[in-house]
Protein backbone atom coordinates (compact mmCIF):
# COMPACT_ATOMS: atom_id res chain seq x y z
CA UNK A 1 96.71 101.92 77.46
CA UNK A 2 97.30 100.04 74.23
CA UNK A 3 100.48 100.12 72.17
CA UNK A 4 98.53 101.21 69.13
CA UNK A 5 101.37 101.98 66.75
CA UNK A 6 103.73 99.10 67.37
CA UNK A 7 103.53 96.19 64.94
CA UNK A 8 105.75 93.78 66.84
CA UNK A 9 104.13 90.66 68.28
CA UNK A 10 105.55 91.51 71.68
CA UNK A 11 103.41 94.63 71.78
CA UNK A 12 100.05 93.02 71.00
CA UNK A 13 97.73 93.50 73.94
CA UNK A 14 95.01 90.96 74.55
CA UNK A 15 91.79 92.88 74.99
CA UNK A 16 88.16 91.87 74.87
CA UNK A 17 87.34 93.43 71.51
CA UNK A 18 85.39 92.38 68.43
CA UNK A 19 88.51 91.00 66.79
CA UNK A 20 89.88 89.24 69.88
CA UNK A 21 89.64 85.85 68.18
CA UNK A 22 92.20 87.07 65.63
CA UNK A 23 94.82 87.73 68.28
CA UNK A 24 97.28 84.89 68.65
CA UNK A 25 96.91 83.27 72.05
CA UNK A 26 100.63 82.65 72.03
CA UNK A 27 101.45 86.35 71.69
CA UNK A 28 103.31 87.31 74.88
CA UNK A 29 102.57 90.37 76.95
CA UNK A 30 105.04 93.25 76.53
CA UNK A 31 105.89 92.78 80.18
CA UNK A 32 107.12 89.23 79.57
CA UNK A 33 110.83 88.71 79.23
CA UNK A 34 111.45 86.79 76.03
CA UNK A 35 114.90 88.14 75.37
CA UNK A 36 113.76 90.80 72.92
CA UNK A 37 112.80 94.33 73.85
CA UNK A 38 109.74 96.13 72.58
CA UNK A 39 110.35 98.71 69.86
CA UNK A 40 109.70 101.87 71.88
CA UNK A 41 110.18 104.07 68.83
CA UNK A 42 106.72 102.97 67.67
CA UNK A 43 104.75 103.88 70.79
CA UNK A 44 104.91 105.33 74.28
CA UNK A 45 106.32 103.39 77.21
CA UNK A 46 103.58 102.83 79.78
CA UNK A 47 104.61 103.31 83.40
CA UNK A 48 102.35 102.96 86.44
CA UNK A 49 103.35 104.13 89.93
CA UNK A 50 101.37 102.87 92.93
CA UNK A 51 100.99 104.87 96.16
CA UNK A 52 101.76 103.06 99.46
CA UNK A 53 98.26 103.68 100.86
CA UNK A 54 96.66 101.93 97.88
CA UNK A 55 98.17 98.51 98.57
CA UNK A 56 96.24 97.88 101.84
CA UNK A 57 93.05 98.55 99.89
CA UNK A 58 93.84 95.88 97.31
CA UNK A 59 94.94 93.51 100.07
CA UNK A 60 91.67 93.99 101.95
CA UNK A 61 89.54 94.01 98.80
CA UNK A 62 90.87 90.69 97.50
CA UNK A 63 91.72 89.09 100.87
CA UNK A 64 95.46 88.92 100.17
CA UNK A 65 98.64 89.79 101.98
CA UNK A 66 100.19 93.12 101.02
CA UNK A 67 102.96 91.35 99.10
CA UNK A 68 100.51 89.14 97.21
CA UNK A 69 98.24 92.12 96.53
CA UNK A 70 101.22 94.00 95.08
CA UNK A 71 102.04 91.07 92.81
CA UNK A 72 98.43 90.60 91.75
CA UNK A 73 98.04 94.29 90.93
CA UNK A 74 101.33 94.34 89.03
CA UNK A 75 100.35 91.25 87.04
CA UNK A 76 96.99 92.75 86.13
CA UNK A 77 98.49 96.04 84.98
CA UNK A 78 101.05 94.25 82.84
CA UNK A 79 98.32 92.09 81.31
CA UNK A 80 96.84 95.39 80.07
CA UNK A 81 100.08 96.30 78.32
CA UNK A 82 101.86 98.28 81.02
CA UNK A 83 105.62 98.00 80.68
CA UNK A 84 106.78 99.04 84.16
CA UNK A 85 105.06 99.13 87.56
CA UNK A 86 106.79 101.08 90.32
CA UNK A 87 106.20 101.65 94.02
CA UNK A 88 106.27 105.34 95.03
CA UNK A 89 107.86 104.71 98.45
CA UNK A 90 111.19 106.03 97.17
CA UNK A 91 109.48 109.29 96.18
CA UNK A 92 108.09 109.56 99.72
CA UNK A 93 111.68 109.17 100.96
CA UNK A 94 112.75 112.26 99.03
CA UNK A 95 109.71 114.27 100.13
CA UNK A 96 110.32 113.50 103.80
CA UNK A 97 114.07 114.09 103.69
CA UNK A 98 113.63 117.47 102.01
CA UNK A 99 110.87 118.39 104.51
CA UNK A 100 113.17 117.52 107.40
CA UNK A 101 115.92 119.80 106.16
CA UNK A 102 113.49 122.60 105.44
CA UNK A 103 111.99 122.47 108.92
CA UNK A 104 115.39 122.71 110.61
CA UNK A 105 116.28 125.66 108.40
CA UNK A 106 112.98 127.40 109.13
CA UNK A 107 113.41 126.81 112.86
CA UNK A 108 116.79 128.55 112.82
CA UNK A 109 115.48 131.42 110.70
CA UNK A 110 112.27 132.01 112.66
CA UNK A 111 112.01 135.29 114.50
CA UNK A 112 109.49 138.00 115.25
CA UNK A 113 110.36 139.59 111.91
CA UNK A 114 110.52 136.42 109.80
CA UNK A 115 107.47 134.27 110.48
CA UNK A 116 108.72 131.01 108.99
CA UNK A 117 106.85 128.83 111.49
CA UNK A 118 104.65 126.92 111.80
CA UNK A 119 105.58 124.86 108.76
CA UNK A 120 102.53 123.21 107.19
CA UNK A 121 102.91 120.05 105.11
CA UNK A 122 102.14 120.22 101.41
CA UNK A 123 101.88 116.56 100.44
CA UNK A 124 98.06 116.57 100.33
CA UNK A 125 96.77 118.08 97.04
CA UNK A 126 93.27 118.78 98.38
CA UNK A 127 94.68 120.85 101.21
CA UNK A 128 97.21 122.63 98.98
CA UNK A 129 94.56 123.61 96.44
CA UNK A 130 92.35 124.97 99.21
CA UNK A 131 95.29 126.92 100.67
CA UNK A 132 96.23 128.40 97.30
CA UNK A 133 92.83 129.16 95.84
CA UNK A 134 90.83 130.08 98.94
CA UNK A 135 93.18 131.06 101.75
CA UNK A 136 96.12 132.64 99.89
CA UNK A 137 98.33 134.81 102.02
CA UNK A 138 99.18 134.72 104.90
CA UNK A 139 98.81 130.91 104.77
CA UNK A 140 100.80 129.90 101.67
CA UNK A 141 104.19 131.14 102.98
CA UNK A 142 103.85 128.51 105.72
CA UNK A 143 103.53 125.64 103.24
CA UNK A 144 106.55 123.36 103.02
CA UNK A 145 108.19 123.79 99.62
CA UNK A 146 109.27 120.14 99.34
CA UNK A 147 107.39 118.50 96.50
CA UNK A 148 104.76 115.90 97.25
CA UNK A 149 105.59 112.21 96.61
CA UNK A 150 103.50 112.27 93.43
CA UNK A 151 105.44 115.23 92.06
CA UNK A 152 108.78 113.66 93.00
CA UNK A 153 107.76 110.40 91.35
CA UNK A 154 106.93 112.34 88.21
CA UNK A 155 110.46 113.70 88.11
CA UNK A 156 111.97 110.29 88.82
CA UNK A 157 110.06 108.68 85.97
CA UNK A 158 110.19 111.48 83.39
CA UNK A 159 113.77 112.52 84.13
CA UNK A 160 115.92 109.89 85.86
CA UNK A 161 114.21 106.77 84.48
CA UNK A 162 113.85 108.31 81.02
CA UNK A 163 117.59 108.99 80.91
CA UNK A 164 118.35 105.44 82.04
CA UNK A 165 116.19 104.10 79.23
CA UNK A 166 117.50 106.61 76.65
CA UNK A 167 113.98 107.94 76.17
CA UNK A 168 112.66 111.46 75.86
CA UNK A 169 110.09 112.30 78.57
CA UNK A 170 107.42 112.63 75.91
CA UNK A 171 107.89 108.95 75.08
CA UNK A 172 106.69 107.93 78.56
CA UNK A 173 103.03 107.87 79.60
CA UNK A 174 103.00 107.92 83.40
CA UNK A 175 99.95 106.77 85.39
CA UNK A 176 99.54 107.17 89.15
CA UNK A 177 97.36 104.82 91.23
CA UNK A 178 96.28 106.75 94.33
CA UNK A 179 93.70 106.57 97.14
CA UNK A 180 91.97 109.89 96.44
CA UNK A 181 90.51 111.90 93.57
CA UNK A 182 92.49 115.01 94.55
CA UNK A 183 95.56 113.43 93.00
CA UNK A 184 93.88 113.97 89.64
CA UNK A 185 93.79 117.70 90.37
CA UNK A 186 97.43 117.59 91.41
CA UNK A 187 98.37 116.13 88.04
CA UNK A 188 96.61 119.05 86.33
CA UNK A 189 98.09 121.76 88.53
CA UNK A 190 100.06 124.36 86.60
CA UNK A 191 103.78 124.51 87.25
CA UNK A 192 104.24 120.87 88.30
CA UNK A 193 106.23 119.80 85.27
CA UNK A 194 109.80 118.83 85.98
CA UNK A 195 112.42 121.54 85.99
CA UNK A 196 114.45 119.60 83.44
CA UNK A 197 111.67 119.04 80.91
CA UNK A 198 108.35 120.51 79.93
CA UNK A 199 106.12 117.43 80.09
CA UNK A 200 103.94 116.78 83.11
CA UNK A 201 105.22 114.33 85.71
CA UNK A 202 101.91 112.45 85.79
CA UNK A 203 99.85 112.06 82.64
CA UNK A 204 96.93 110.26 84.25
CA UNK A 205 95.69 109.37 87.74
CA UNK A 206 93.46 106.41 88.56
CA UNK A 207 92.04 105.88 92.03
CA UNK A 208 92.48 102.51 93.74
CA UNK A 209 88.73 101.96 93.47
CA UNK A 210 88.77 102.58 89.73
CA UNK A 211 91.56 100.04 89.23
CA UNK A 212 89.80 97.49 91.47
CA UNK A 213 86.66 97.90 89.38
CA UNK A 214 88.70 97.24 86.26
CA UNK A 215 90.14 94.11 87.87
CA UNK A 216 86.70 92.83 88.88
CA UNK A 217 85.22 93.39 85.43
CA UNK A 218 88.16 91.97 83.50
CA UNK A 219 88.28 88.39 82.25
CA UNK A 220 91.94 88.56 81.24
CA UNK A 221 94.16 85.68 82.27
CA UNK A 222 96.46 87.28 84.83
CA UNK A 223 99.68 85.96 86.30
CA UNK A 224 101.19 87.60 89.38
CA UNK A 225 104.29 89.70 88.68
CA UNK A 226 106.92 91.40 90.80
CA UNK A 227 107.05 95.17 90.98
CA UNK A 228 109.83 96.82 88.98
CA UNK A 229 112.50 99.13 90.34
CA UNK A 230 113.91 102.31 88.87
CA UNK A 231 117.34 100.71 88.97
CA UNK A 232 116.62 97.58 86.95
CA UNK A 233 117.14 95.28 89.95
CA UNK A 234 115.85 91.77 89.40
CA UNK A 235 115.46 91.22 93.14
CA UNK A 236 112.02 92.11 94.48
CA UNK A 237 112.14 94.53 97.37
CA UNK A 238 109.83 93.83 100.28
CA UNK A 239 106.87 96.12 100.86
CA UNK A 240 107.69 98.80 103.43
CA UNK A 241 106.07 102.01 104.63
CA UNK A 242 106.87 105.16 106.55
CA UNK A 243 105.96 105.90 110.15
CA UNK A 244 102.43 107.24 109.76
CA UNK A 245 99.26 105.57 111.02
CA UNK A 246 97.39 106.30 107.78
CA UNK A 247 99.64 108.65 105.83
CA UNK A 248 103.20 109.02 104.55
CA UNK A 249 104.37 109.91 108.05
CA UNK A 250 105.87 113.33 107.51
CA UNK A 251 105.12 114.35 111.10
CA UNK A 252 106.85 111.42 112.80
CA UNK A 253 109.96 111.53 110.63
CA UNK A 254 110.36 115.32 110.77
CA UNK A 255 109.80 115.23 114.54
CA UNK A 256 112.55 112.66 115.14
CA UNK A 257 114.96 114.48 112.84
CA UNK A 258 114.31 117.87 114.43
CA UNK A 259 114.68 116.48 117.96
CA UNK A 260 118.09 115.08 117.08
CA UNK A 261 119.36 117.97 114.95
CA UNK A 262 118.12 120.81 117.14
CA UNK A 263 118.32 119.36 120.66
CA UNK A 264 120.43 116.19 120.34
CA UNK A 265 117.49 114.14 121.62
CA UNK A 266 116.87 110.61 120.33
CA UNK A 267 113.16 109.85 120.04
CA UNK A 268 112.42 106.15 119.81
CA UNK A 269 108.64 106.28 119.79
CA UNK A 270 106.49 109.23 118.76
CA UNK A 271 103.55 109.54 121.18
CA UNK A 272 100.37 111.14 119.85
CA UNK A 273 97.82 112.78 122.13
CA UNK A 274 94.30 113.34 120.79
CA UNK A 275 92.88 116.78 121.60
CA UNK A 276 89.50 117.87 120.18
CA UNK A 277 88.99 114.58 118.32
CA UNK A 278 90.94 111.62 116.95
CA UNK A 279 91.79 113.62 113.81
CA UNK A 280 93.53 116.42 115.71
CA UNK A 281 96.52 115.11 117.64
CA UNK A 282 99.55 116.67 119.28
CA UNK A 283 103.15 115.52 119.70
CA UNK A 284 105.59 117.31 122.00
CA UNK A 285 109.25 117.08 122.93
CA UNK A 286 109.81 118.11 126.54
CA UNK A 287 112.92 118.43 128.65
CA UNK A 288 113.15 119.61 132.27
CA UNK A 289 109.54 120.73 132.16
CA UNK A 290 110.05 122.86 129.05
CA UNK A 291 108.36 122.16 125.71
CA UNK A 292 111.05 122.21 123.03
CA UNK A 293 108.96 121.09 120.05
CA UNK A 294 105.20 121.07 119.58
CA UNK A 295 103.85 119.31 116.49
CA UNK A 296 100.28 118.55 115.46
CA UNK A 297 98.32 116.47 112.95
CA UNK A 298 95.14 118.08 111.56
CA UNK A 299 93.01 115.84 109.34
CA UNK A 300 89.70 116.83 107.76
CA UNK A 301 88.27 120.26 107.06
CA UNK A 302 86.78 120.77 110.51
CA UNK A 303 90.22 120.64 112.08
CA UNK A 304 91.86 122.52 109.22
CA UNK A 305 89.39 125.38 109.62
CA UNK A 306 90.07 125.68 113.36
CA UNK A 307 93.81 125.58 112.72
CA UNK A 308 93.64 128.34 110.09
CA UNK A 309 91.57 130.61 112.34
CA UNK A 310 94.24 130.37 115.03
CA UNK A 311 97.05 130.81 112.52
CA UNK A 312 95.54 134.04 111.19
CA UNK A 313 95.22 135.34 114.75
CA UNK A 314 98.82 134.42 115.53
CA UNK A 315 97.61 132.01 118.21
CA UNK A 316 98.61 128.66 116.70
CA UNK A 317 101.10 127.18 119.20
CA UNK A 318 102.75 124.65 116.88
CA UNK A 319 106.09 124.52 115.10
CA UNK A 320 104.85 122.00 112.53
CA UNK A 321 101.44 120.72 111.40
CA UNK A 322 100.78 117.69 109.20
CA UNK A 323 97.66 118.67 107.24
CA UNK A 324 95.49 116.21 105.33
CA UNK A 325 92.12 116.96 103.76
CA UNK A 326 90.62 113.52 104.40
CA UNK A 327 89.40 112.69 107.92
CA UNK A 328 91.30 109.61 109.00
CA UNK A 329 94.18 110.33 106.64
CA UNK A 330 95.17 108.97 103.23
CA UNK A 331 93.81 105.46 103.78
CA UNK A 332 90.37 107.07 103.98
CA UNK A 333 90.69 108.64 100.53
CA UNK A 334 87.38 108.79 98.72
CA UNK A 335 88.85 106.85 95.84
CA UNK A 336 89.04 103.65 97.86
CA UNK A 337 87.30 103.73 101.26
CA UNK A 338 83.77 104.45 100.08
CA UNK A 339 80.66 102.32 99.73
CA UNK A 340 78.63 102.38 96.51
CA UNK A 341 76.34 105.04 97.97
CA UNK A 342 79.31 107.33 98.75
CA UNK A 343 79.59 106.69 102.49
CA UNK A 344 82.71 105.71 104.39
CA UNK A 345 83.14 101.95 104.45
CA UNK A 346 84.12 101.77 108.12
CA UNK A 347 84.67 98.02 108.17
CA UNK A 348 86.96 98.18 105.14
CA UNK A 349 88.81 101.17 106.58
CA UNK A 350 89.49 99.34 109.88
CA UNK A 351 90.76 96.36 107.92
CA UNK A 352 93.06 98.59 105.84
CA UNK A 353 94.39 100.30 108.98
CA UNK A 354 95.28 96.92 110.48
CA UNK A 355 97.01 95.81 107.28
CA UNK A 356 98.91 99.09 106.96
CA UNK A 357 100.11 99.04 110.58
CA UNK A 358 101.62 95.57 110.05
CA UNK A 359 103.80 96.70 107.14
CA UNK A 360 107.43 97.17 108.31
CA UNK A 361 108.56 100.79 108.75
CA UNK A 362 111.70 101.88 106.93
CA UNK A 363 113.24 105.29 107.77
CA UNK A 364 114.05 107.26 104.59
CA UNK A 365 117.62 107.86 105.77
CA UNK A 366 118.37 104.14 105.47
CA UNK A 367 117.71 103.90 101.73
CA UNK A 368 120.95 103.35 99.84
CA UNK A 369 119.15 103.99 96.55
CA UNK A 370 118.07 107.44 97.71
CA UNK A 371 121.61 108.40 98.65
CA UNK A 372 122.82 107.09 95.31
CA UNK A 373 120.22 109.17 93.47
CA UNK A 374 121.19 112.31 95.36
CA UNK A 375 124.74 111.93 94.05
CA UNK A 376 124.23 110.51 90.57
CA UNK A 377 120.95 112.15 89.56
CA UNK A 378 120.82 115.36 91.59
CA UNK A 379 124.57 116.16 91.80
CA UNK A 380 124.60 116.27 95.59
CA UNK A 381 122.27 116.55 98.58
CA UNK A 382 122.21 120.36 98.67
CA UNK A 383 122.95 121.06 95.03
CA UNK A 384 121.04 123.62 92.93
CA UNK A 385 119.66 120.72 90.88
CA UNK A 386 118.30 119.03 94.00
CA UNK A 387 116.62 122.27 95.06
CA UNK A 388 115.16 122.82 91.60
CA UNK A 389 113.96 119.23 91.18
CA UNK A 390 112.63 118.50 94.67
CA UNK A 391 111.04 121.83 95.63
CA UNK A 392 108.17 123.92 94.29
CA UNK A 393 106.48 127.28 94.78
CA UNK A 394 102.89 128.09 95.64
CA UNK A 395 100.42 130.47 94.10
CA UNK A 396 98.71 133.16 96.15
CA UNK A 397 96.10 134.61 93.79
CA UNK A 398 93.03 136.50 94.79
CA UNK A 399 90.25 134.08 95.80
CA UNK A 400 88.33 133.08 92.70
CA UNK A 401 85.74 130.59 91.60
CA UNK A 402 87.08 127.75 89.49
CA UNK A 403 85.44 124.63 88.16
CA UNK A 404 88.18 122.40 89.60
CA UNK A 405 88.20 123.94 93.06
CA UNK A 406 87.18 121.90 96.04
CA UNK A 407 83.93 122.96 97.71
CA UNK A 408 84.66 122.80 101.41
């Protein structure tokens, strides 16, 4: 991630190389504010976006609070030459808000002729790839068309942020730090480039474990740094999350929204009921003995397989299912919750779950920045540009063998 073609002192990156002794120790990092901007015409601008489920890993790994872990990670990345470090929570906001609207629309359109329900989440790339490449129709029409947070973040960085910085998308190299390896496949997936430009939203994906290994092996002098914002705010925003025990919380937020929009019911607390196992849970909205909404969370292939069998038989009783490939959810991604021999690090996972649950929950509707972006960037909440930028389509090819496919 070196600025190889920039000759300015501000762009010299201190690395442990053969000629390290020739690098001036006084040369500031490109992330440091010395009143003079880096000449971006000579190199690419390096941007790193960090997923919310990665921060508890770094906090647990280095025995820090989530806020301190965020600052430590940001400082390390900038010591490598990264120019901007963003939090992807705002991208999750967009993904959830668009999923909420889509579910309400599907609920109204559902009939015996138009089988628009159940709606299945599409934020997990491992699950989506399995649905596209192995299951195909009749499963893919049930996938929510709202883009995943990673895809939305790609558009934010390569489109909105690029415009704000007067840069072409090709001048930005965008790295995602994520809890699972499937995000790497998502970055390679055809058709995920932004509607407004041809470059991919994410150029590279590193797992949390890979970054932690880099941090442990590095002997760079690192100073903590605050995470940047897409809006150039100097004030550091506190770390927040969405209402999911180990995920982005699509189920809880869509459930509350649907209860209010469809039945004028205010749901304060979403109550989960475990069925077959702790990774298959049900949430219902009942009134006068009648079930109005029935949602479910299905994590891990065992539960996904059972769900798909019922769906194909027309016997799946749910309006909405949050589907995640990893048992235990996103915190248990193989890119961060594994021991050296490839097993689940249960002690670390429990620690991460405790850290994650203590992070304050912020509903996506309360974000002023999101509402501002809808108007200034997307030309309105329901505009054609919003639909084009925040939604995707899914492939339904004949099942085929592919080197990148997941072996379930």
